[in-house]
Amino acid sequence: SNLTAFVISSIATTEFKPACESGETTSGIYLLRPQSANRLLQAWCEQSRAQGGWTVIQRRQDGSVNFFRTWEQYKQGFGNLDGEYWLGLEHLYWLTKQAQYKLRVALEDWQGRQVFAEYDSFRLEPESDWYRLRLGQYHGTAGDSLSWHNNKAFTTLDRDKDSYTGNCAHYQKGGWWYHMCAHSNLNGVWYRGGHYRSRYQDGVYWAEFHGGSYSLKRVSMMIKPT
């Protein structure tokens, strides 16, 4: 399985350029070294959009990867670096702990319209606080569907930390900083074609951009030091 493809254990290297801010102009798979440990982390770096230098932490584009996963899988990361993937909560915690990062969420609908939401700061609390989301000010063209989730703990199918009587992850088929339950659900079910029919609002949606019953074609979340 390629669930562990992100972490290359114990590589000692003296020649090391930090991943996405290295001044390179080509998008692709780069190495990151979180200060956490003697290990390198792989991630996709987006160098062609929004001045480049972005570390992609999440991407959906074709439904090839199942995002209805356990706490441990959301913690460690899963998927394919050149396709759909989730970088991993523990890696995100270490990365955002060592510098001030901003978050950019890029969204595309089935008509080809592209919008974005940017937050001027983004970090996670440690696992002992359930990777609670700490988000700064919004600006962008997508509308703000993430601030409602600010200061919320992460919830998965097997670890319910939301404010709802049931488990939001069960209804929304993903892992997210669920509240009661979601204004955005970027780790939900990837439905083809936009509007979807389901018993629950479990698509890949951003409520301010087409509402909760419209599953987006492409989404990505990326971070960059400020």
C-alpha atoms as a PDB file:
ATOM      1  CA  SER A   1       0.000   0.000   0.000  1.00  0.00           C
ATOM      2  CA  ASN A   2       1.203   3.525  -0.649  1.00  0.00           C
ATOM      3  CA  LEU A   3      -0.175   4.885   2.600  1.00  0.00           C
ATOM      4  CA  THR A   4       3.384   5.190   3.860  1.00  0.00           C
ATOM      5  CA  ALA A   5       4.747   6.713   0.667  1.00  0.00           C
ATOM      6  CA  PHE A   6       4.894  10.154   2.262  1.00  0.00           C
ATOM      7  CA  VAL A   7       7.516   9.392   4.870  1.00  0.00           C
ATOM      8  CA  ILE A   8      11.067   8.453   3.973  1.00  0.00           C
ATOM      9  CA  SER A   9      12.526   7.394   7.273  1.00  0.00           C
ATOM     10  CA  SER A  10      15.861   8.469   8.653  1.00  0.00           C
ATOM     11  CA  ILE A  11      17.558  10.017   5.639  1.00  0.00           C
ATOM     12  CA  ALA A  12      20.620  12.006   6.581  1.00  0.00           C
ATOM     13  CA  THR A  13      21.403  14.712   4.071  1.00  0.00           C
ATOM     14  CA  THR A  14      23.504  17.836   4.168  1.00  0.00           C
ATOM     15  CA  GLU A  15      22.354  19.240   0.832  1.00  0.00           C
ATOM     16  CA  PHE A  16      18.773  20.034   1.602  1.00  0.00           C
ATOM     17  CA  LYS A  17      16.523  22.700   0.114  1.00  0.00           C
ATOM     18  CA  PRO A  18      13.242  23.175   1.959  1.00  0.00           C
ATOM     19  CA  ALA A  19      10.509  21.969  -0.291  1.00  0.00           C
ATOM     20  CA  CYS A  20       8.249  24.458  -1.834  1.00  0.00           C
ATOM     21  CA  GLU A  21       9.952  27.722  -0.960  1.00  0.00           C
ATOM     22  CA  SER A  22      13.221  26.699  -2.606  1.00  0.00           C
ATOM     23  CA  GLY A  23      12.794  29.068  -5.538  1.00  0.00           C
ATOM     24  CA  GLU A  24      12.054  26.243  -7.980  1.00  0.00           C
ATOM     25  CA  THR A  25       9.426  26.987 -10.609  1.00  0.00           C
ATOM     26  CA  THR A  26       8.288  23.473 -11.530  1.00  0.00           C
ATOM     27  CA  SER A  27       5.351  21.848  -9.768  1.00  0.00           C
ATOM     28  CA  GLY A  28       5.911  18.298  -8.592  1.00  0.00           C
ATOM     29  CA  ILE A  29       6.875  16.093  -5.657  1.00  0.00           C
ATOM     30  CA  TYR A  30       9.344  17.740  -3.281  1.00  0.00           C
ATOM     31  CA  LEU A  31      10.872  16.821   0.057  1.00  0.00           C
ATOM     32  CA  LEU A  32      10.036  18.566   3.302  1.00  0.00           C
ATOM     33  CA  ARG A  33      11.796  18.134   6.580  1.00  0.00           C
ATOM     34  CA  PRO A  34       9.569  18.957   9.529  1.00  0.00           C
ATOM     35  CA  GLN A  35      11.727  19.888  12.521  1.00  0.00           C
ATOM     36  CA  SER A  36       9.960  17.060  14.313  1.00  0.00           C
ATOM     37  CA  ALA A  37      12.335  14.277  13.519  1.00  0.00           C
ATOM     38  CA  ASN A  38      15.058  12.714  11.465  1.00  0.00           C
ATOM     39  CA  ARG A  39      12.738  12.018   8.618  1.00  0.00           C
ATOM     40  CA  LEU A  40      11.789  13.586   5.342  1.00  0.00           C
ATOM     41  CA  LEU A  41       8.263  14.075   4.155  1.00  0.00           C
ATOM     42  CA  GLN A  42       7.146  14.096   0.540  1.00  0.00           C
ATOM     43  CA  ALA A  43       4.494  16.481  -0.710  1.00  0.00           C
ATOM     44  CA  TRP A  44       3.331  18.008  -3.987  1.00  0.00           C
ATOM     45  CA  CYS A  45       4.452  21.581  -4.459  1.00  0.00           C
ATOM     46  CA  GLU A  46       2.318  23.925  -6.519  1.00  0.00           C
ATOM     47  CA  GLN A  47       4.627  26.407  -8.238  1.00  0.00           C
ATOM     48  CA  SER A  48       2.408  27.696 -11.053  1.00  0.00           C
ATOM     49  CA  ARG A  49      -0.549  29.193  -9.134  1.00  0.00           C
ATOM     50  CA  ALA A  50      -0.756  32.208  -6.810  1.00  0.00           C
ATOM     51  CA  GLN A  51       2.974  33.032  -6.966  1.00  0.00           C
ATOM     52  CA  GLY A  52       3.993  29.435  -6.245  1.00  0.00           C
ATOM     53  CA  GLY A  53       5.700  28.055  -3.154  1.00  0.00           C
ATOM     54  CA  TRP A  54       2.623  26.143  -1.939  1.00  0.00           C
ATOM     55  CA  THR A  55       2.725  22.766  -0.208  1.00  0.00           C
ATOM     56  CA  VAL A  56      -0.405  20.843  -1.229  1.00  0.00           C
ATOM     57  CA  ILE A  57      -1.922  19.191   1.855  1.00  0.00           C
ATOM     58  CA  GLN A  58      -5.087  17.814   0.234  1.00  0.00           C
ATOM     59  CA  ARG A  59      -6.294  17.191  -3.315  1.00  0.00           C
ATOM     60  CA  ARG A  60      -9.473  15.754  -4.897  1.00  0.00           C
ATOM     61  CA  GLN A  61      -9.915  15.430  -8.648  1.00  0.00           C
ATOM     62  CA  ASP A  62     -11.284  12.074  -9.831  1.00  0.00           C
ATOM     63  CA  GLY A  63     -12.666   9.961  -6.990  1.00  0.00           C
ATOM     64  CA  SER A  64      -9.780   7.470  -7.212  1.00  0.00           C
ATOM     65  CA  VAL A  65      -8.989   7.562  -3.479  1.00  0.00           C
ATOM     66  CA  ASN A  66     -11.414   6.727  -0.671  1.00  0.00           C
ATOM     67  CA  PHE A  67     -11.443   9.508   1.949  1.00  0.00           C
ATOM     68  CA  PHE A  68     -13.794   7.734   4.380  1.00  0.00           C
ATOM     69  CA  ARG A  69     -10.928   6.722   6.677  1.00  0.00           C
ATOM     70  CA  THR A  70      -9.962   6.130  10.286  1.00  0.00           C
ATOM     71  CA  TRP A  71      -8.301   8.512  12.723  1.00  0.00           C
ATOM     72  CA  GLU A  72      -4.948   6.777  12.317  1.00  0.00           C
ATOM     73  CA  GLN A  73      -5.080   7.118   8.531  1.00  0.00           C
ATOM     74  CA  TYR A  74      -6.004  10.814   8.733  1.00  0.00           C
ATOM     75  CA  LYS A  75      -3.163  11.238  11.222  1.00  0.00           C
ATOM     76  CA  GLN A  76      -0.496   9.606   9.022  1.00  0.00           C
ATOM     77  CA  GLY A  77      -1.744  10.596   5.557  1.00  0.00           C
ATOM     78  CA  PHE A  78      -2.936   8.544   2.567  1.00  0.00           C
ATOM     79  CA  GLY A  79      -3.414   8.562  -1.187  1.00  0.00           C
ATOM     80  CA  ASN A  80      -1.157   9.283  -4.158  1.00  0.00           C
ATOM     81  CA  LEU A  81       1.071  12.345  -4.273  1.00  0.00           C
ATOM     82  CA  ASP A  82       0.474  12.937  -7.986  1.00  0.00           C
ATOM     83  CA  GLY A  83      -3.279  12.377  -7.604  1.00  0.00           C
ATOM     84  CA  GLU A  84      -5.717  12.475  -4.710  1.00  0.00           C
ATOM     85  CA  TYR A  85      -4.214  12.588  -1.246  1.00  0.00           C
ATOM     86  CA  TRP A  86      -4.269  13.823   2.340  1.00  0.00           C
ATOM     87  CA  LEU A  87      -0.896  14.815   3.772  1.00  0.00           C
ATOM     88  CA  GLY A  88      -1.621  13.776   7.357  1.00  0.00           C
ATOM     89  CA  LEU A  89      -2.649  15.640  10.511  1.00  0.00           C
ATOM     90  CA  GLU A  90       0.548  14.877  12.404  1.00  0.00           C
ATOM     91  CA  HIS A  91       2.663  16.224   9.545  1.00  0.00           C
ATOM     92  CA  LEU A  92       0.456  19.304   9.329  1.00  0.00           C
ATOM     93  CA  TYR A  93       0.840  19.876  13.051  1.00  0.00           C
ATOM     94  CA  TRP A  94       4.642  19.767  12.842  1.00  0.00           C
ATOM     95  CA  LEU A  95       4.826  21.908   9.712  1.00  0.00           C
ATOM     96  CA  THR A  96       2.550  24.674  11.007  1.00  0.00           C
ATOM     97  CA  LYS A  97       4.261  24.641  14.394  1.00  0.00           C
ATOM     98  CA  GLN A  98       7.618  25.759  13.010  1.00  0.00           C
ATOM     99  CA  ALA A  99       6.526  28.827  11.032  1.00  0.00           C
ATOM    100  CA  GLN A 100       3.472  31.008  10.375  1.00  0.00           C
ATOM    101  CA  TYR A 101       1.564  29.528   7.448  1.00  0.00           C
ATOM    102  CA  LYS A 102      -1.358  30.708   5.377  1.00  0.00           C
ATOM    103  CA  LEU A 103      -3.928  28.406   3.763  1.00  0.00           C
ATOM    104  CA  ARG A 104      -5.319  28.552   0.251  1.00  0.00           C
ATOM    105  CA  VAL A 105      -8.305  26.434  -0.791  1.00  0.00           C
ATOM    106  CA  ALA A 106      -8.704  26.161  -4.576  1.00  0.00           C
ATOM    107  CA  LEU A 107     -12.077  24.999  -5.920  1.00  0.00           C
ATOM    108  CA  GLU A 108     -13.345  24.181  -9.401  1.00  0.00           C
ATOM    109  CA  ASP A 109     -16.911  23.348 -10.418  1.00  0.00           C
ATOM    110  CA  TRP A 110     -18.111  21.164 -13.284  1.00  0.00           C
ATOM    111  CA  GLN A 111     -18.466  24.170 -15.591  1.00  0.00           C
ATOM    112  CA  GLY A 112     -14.762  24.998 -15.222  1.00  0.00           C
ATOM    113  CA  ARG A 113     -15.222  27.985 -12.930  1.00  0.00           C
ATOM    114  CA  GLN A 114     -12.332  28.388 -10.486  1.00  0.00           C
ATOM    115  CA  VAL A 115     -12.504  30.210  -7.157  1.00  0.00           C
ATOM    116  CA  PHE A 116     -10.365  30.319  -4.035  1.00  0.00           C
ATOM    117  CA  ALA A 117     -10.514  30.987  -0.319  1.00  0.00           C
ATOM    118  CA  GLU A 118      -7.400  32.162   1.498  1.00  0.00           C
ATOM    119  CA  TYR A 119      -6.832  32.393   5.267  1.00  0.00           C
ATOM    120  CA  ASP A 120      -3.946  34.519   6.473  1.00  0.00           C
ATOM    121  CA  SER A 121      -2.976  32.020   9.147  1.00  0.00           C
ATOM    122  CA  PHE A 122      -3.425  28.275   9.553  1.00  0.00           C
ATOM    123  CA  ARG A 123      -2.176  25.866  12.188  1.00  0.00           C
ATOM    124  CA  LEU A 124      -3.244  22.789  14.106  1.00  0.00           C
ATOM    125  CA  GLU A 125      -3.069  21.972  17.793  1.00  0.00           C
ATOM    126  CA  PRO A 126      -1.370  18.663  18.731  1.00  0.00           C
ATOM    127  CA  GLU A 127      -3.127  15.295  18.754  1.00  0.00           C
ATOM    128  CA  SER A 128      -3.756  15.644  22.501  1.00  0.00           C
ATOM    129  CA  ASP A 129      -6.181  18.428  21.498  1.00  0.00           C
ATOM    130  CA  TRP A 130      -7.528  16.445  18.516  1.00  0.00           C
ATOM    131  CA  TYR A 131      -5.675  18.536  15.903  1.00  0.00           C
ATOM    132  CA  ARG A 132      -7.950  21.494  16.601  1.00  0.00           C
ATOM    133  CA  LEU A 133      -8.095  24.013  13.743  1.00  0.00           C
ATOM    134  CA  ARG A 134      -6.714  27.558  14.240  1.00  0.00           C
ATOM    135  CA  LEU A 135      -7.596  29.785  11.315  1.00  0.00           C
ATOM    136  CA  GLY A 136      -6.949  33.448  10.511  1.00  0.00           C
ATOM    137  CA  GLN A 137      -8.843  36.001   8.413  1.00  0.00           C
ATOM    138  CA  TYR A 138     -10.547  35.027   5.162  1.00  0.00           C
ATOM    139  CA  HIS A 139     -10.288  36.636   1.766  1.00  0.00           C
ATOM    140  CA  GLY A 140     -11.040  35.276  -1.683  1.00  0.00           C
ATOM    141  CA  THR A 141     -13.685  34.591  -4.319  1.00  0.00           C
ATOM    142  CA  ALA A 142     -15.200  31.312  -3.065  1.00  0.00           C
ATOM    143  CA  GLY A 143     -16.976  32.647   0.013  1.00  0.00           C
ATOM    144  CA  ASP A 144     -15.980  31.647   3.530  1.00  0.00           C
ATOM    145  CA  SER A 145     -17.089  28.111   4.366  1.00  0.00           C
ATOM    146  CA  LEU A 146     -14.266  27.240   6.752  1.00  0.00           C
ATOM    147  CA  SER A 147     -14.381  29.888   9.502  1.00  0.00           C
ATOM    148  CA  TRP A 148     -17.458  28.141  10.930  1.00  0.00           C
ATOM    149  CA  HIS A 149     -15.080  25.230  11.622  1.00  0.00           C
ATOM    150  CA  ASN A 150     -12.444  27.400  13.305  1.00  0.00           C
ATOM    151  CA  ASN A 151     -11.404  26.194  16.784  1.00  0.00           C
ATOM    152  CA  LYS A 152     -13.077  22.827  16.183  1.00  0.00           C
ATOM    153  CA  ALA A 153     -11.439  19.457  16.779  1.00  0.00           C
ATOM    154  CA  PHE A 154     -10.936  16.959  13.952  1.00  0.00           C
ATOM    155  CA  THR A 155     -13.501  14.137  13.777  1.00  0.00           C
ATOM    156  CA  THR A 156     -13.341  10.778  12.007  1.00  0.00           C
ATOM    157  CA  LEU A 157     -15.642   7.761  11.841  1.00  0.00           C
ATOM    158  CA  ASP A 158     -13.876   6.168  14.836  1.00  0.00           C
ATOM    159  CA  ARG A 159     -13.192   9.332  16.856  1.00  0.00           C
ATOM    160  CA  ASP A 160     -16.151  11.649  17.388  1.00  0.00           C
ATOM    161  CA  LYS A 161     -15.127  15.128  18.582  1.00  0.00           C
ATOM    162  CA  ASP A 162     -17.879  17.241  16.983  1.00  0.00           C
ATOM    163  CA  SER A 163     -20.683  19.175  18.719  1.00  0.00           C
ATOM    164  CA  TYR A 164     -23.458  17.111  17.135  1.00  0.00           C
ATOM    165  CA  THR A 165     -25.401  14.386  18.954  1.00  0.00           C
ATOM    166  CA  GLY A 166     -24.398  11.871  16.281  1.00  0.00           C
ATOM    167  CA  ASN A 167     -21.043  11.527  14.528  1.00  0.00           C
ATOM    168  CA  CYS A 168     -20.783  13.991  11.636  1.00  0.00           C
ATOM    169  CA  ALA A 169     -18.078  11.862   9.980  1.00  0.00           C
ATOM    170  CA  HIS A 170     -20.556   8.990   9.762  1.00  0.00           C
ATOM    171  CA  TYR A 171     -23.150  11.149   7.978  1.00  0.00           C
ATOM    172  CA  GLN A 172     -20.734  13.156   5.850  1.00  0.00           C
ATOM    173  CA  LYS A 173     -18.460  10.234   4.925  1.00  0.00           C
ATOM    174  CA  GLY A 174     -15.148  11.942   5.633  1.00  0.00           C
ATOM    175  CA  GLY A 175     -12.807  13.356   8.247  1.00  0.00           C
ATOM    176  CA  TRP A 176     -12.979  17.093   8.968  1.00  0.00           C
ATOM    177  CA  TRP A 177     -13.076  19.748  11.685  1.00  0.00           C
ATOM    178  CA  TYR A 178     -16.790  19.056  11.992  1.00  0.00           C
ATOM    179  CA  HIS A 179     -18.997  21.312  14.098  1.00  0.00           C
ATOM    180  CA  MET A 180     -22.759  20.586  13.805  1.00  0.00           C
ATOM    181  CA  CYS A 181     -21.909  19.316  11.135  1.00  0.00           C
ATOM    182  CA  ALA A 182     -20.367  21.154   8.176  1.00  0.00           C
ATOM    183  CA  HIS A 183     -20.280  24.225   5.958  1.00  0.00           C
ATOM    184  CA  SER A 184     -17.479  22.554   4.005  1.00  0.00           C
ATOM    185  CA  ASN A 185     -16.738  18.874   3.489  1.00  0.00           C
ATOM    186  CA  LEU A 186     -13.720  18.648   1.210  1.00  0.00           C
ATOM    187  CA  ASN A 187     -12.935  15.093   2.334  1.00  0.00           C
ATOM    188  CA  GLY A 188     -16.424  13.817   1.525  1.00  0.00           C
ATOM    189  CA  VAL A 189     -17.578  11.563  -1.322  1.00  0.00           C
ATOM    190  CA  TRP A 190     -16.445  12.653  -4.797  1.00  0.00           C
ATOM    191  CA  TYR A 191     -19.605  12.616  -6.937  1.00  0.00           C
ATOM    192  CA  ARG A 192     -19.384  13.081 -10.687  1.00  0.00           C
ATOM    193  CA  GLY A 193     -21.341  15.882 -12.322  1.00  0.00           C
ATOM    194  CA  GLY A 194     -22.056  18.421  -9.606  1.00  0.00           C
ATOM    195  CA  HIS A 195     -25.530  18.065  -8.074  1.00  0.00           C
ATOM    196  CA  TYR A 196     -25.829  14.720  -6.351  1.00  0.00           C
ATOM    197  CA  ARG A 197     -28.594  12.754  -4.693  1.00  0.00           C
ATOM    198  CA  SER A 198     -27.759  11.226  -1.347  1.00  0.00           C
ATOM    199  CA  ARG A 199     -29.491  10.570   1.938  1.00  0.00           C
ATOM    200  CA  TYR A 200     -26.967  12.875   3.602  1.00  0.00           C
ATOM    201  CA  GLN A 201     -24.922  15.900   2.571  1.00  0.00           C
ATOM    202  CA  ASP A 202     -21.809  13.830   2.037  1.00  0.00           C
ATOM    203  CA  GLY A 203     -20.348  15.244  -1.199  1.00  0.00           C
ATOM    204  CA  VAL A 204     -17.178  17.295  -1.700  1.00  0.00           C
ATOM    205  CA  TYR A 205     -18.773  20.666  -1.078  1.00  0.00           C
ATOM    206  CA  TRP A 206     -18.089  24.251  -0.058  1.00  0.00           C
ATOM    207  CA  ALA A 207     -21.452  25.678   1.002  1.00  0.00           C
ATOM    208  CA  GLU A 208     -20.738  29.270  -0.096  1.00  0.00           C
ATOM    209  CA  PHE A 209     -19.891  28.012  -3.600  1.00  0.00           C
ATOM    210  CA  HIS A 210     -22.874  26.056  -5.013  1.00  0.00           C
ATOM    211  CA  GLY A 211     -24.242  24.849  -1.657  1.00  0.00           C
ATOM    212  CA  GLY A 212     -24.121  21.525   0.151  1.00  0.00           C
ATOM    213  CA  SER A 213     -25.795  19.370  -2.494  1.00  0.00           C
ATOM    214  CA  TYR A 214     -23.228  20.167  -5.197  1.00  0.00           C
ATOM    215  CA  SER A 215     -20.063  18.060  -5.266  1.00  0.00           C
ATOM    216  CA  LEU A 216     -17.120  19.953  -6.746  1.00  0.00           C
ATOM    217  CA  LYS A 217     -14.933  18.623  -9.539  1.00  0.00           C
ATOM    218  CA  ARG A 218     -11.543  19.639  -8.188  1.00  0.00           C
ATOM    219  CA  VAL A 219     -10.447  20.895  -4.805  1.00  0.00           C
ATOM    220  CA  SER A 220      -7.062  21.371  -3.240  1.00  0.00           C
ATOM    221  CA  MET A 221      -5.796  22.772   0.043  1.00  0.00           C
ATOM    222  CA  MET A 222      -2.293  24.224   0.183  1.00  0.00           C
ATOM    223  CA  ILE A 223      -0.165  26.074   2.680  1.00  0.00           C
ATOM    224  CA  LYS A 224       2.748  28.496   2.440  1.00  0.00           C
ATOM    225  CA  PRO A 225       4.834  30.328   5.050  1.00  0.00           C
ATOM    226  CA  THR A 226       3.914  34.004   5.379  1.00  0.00           C
END
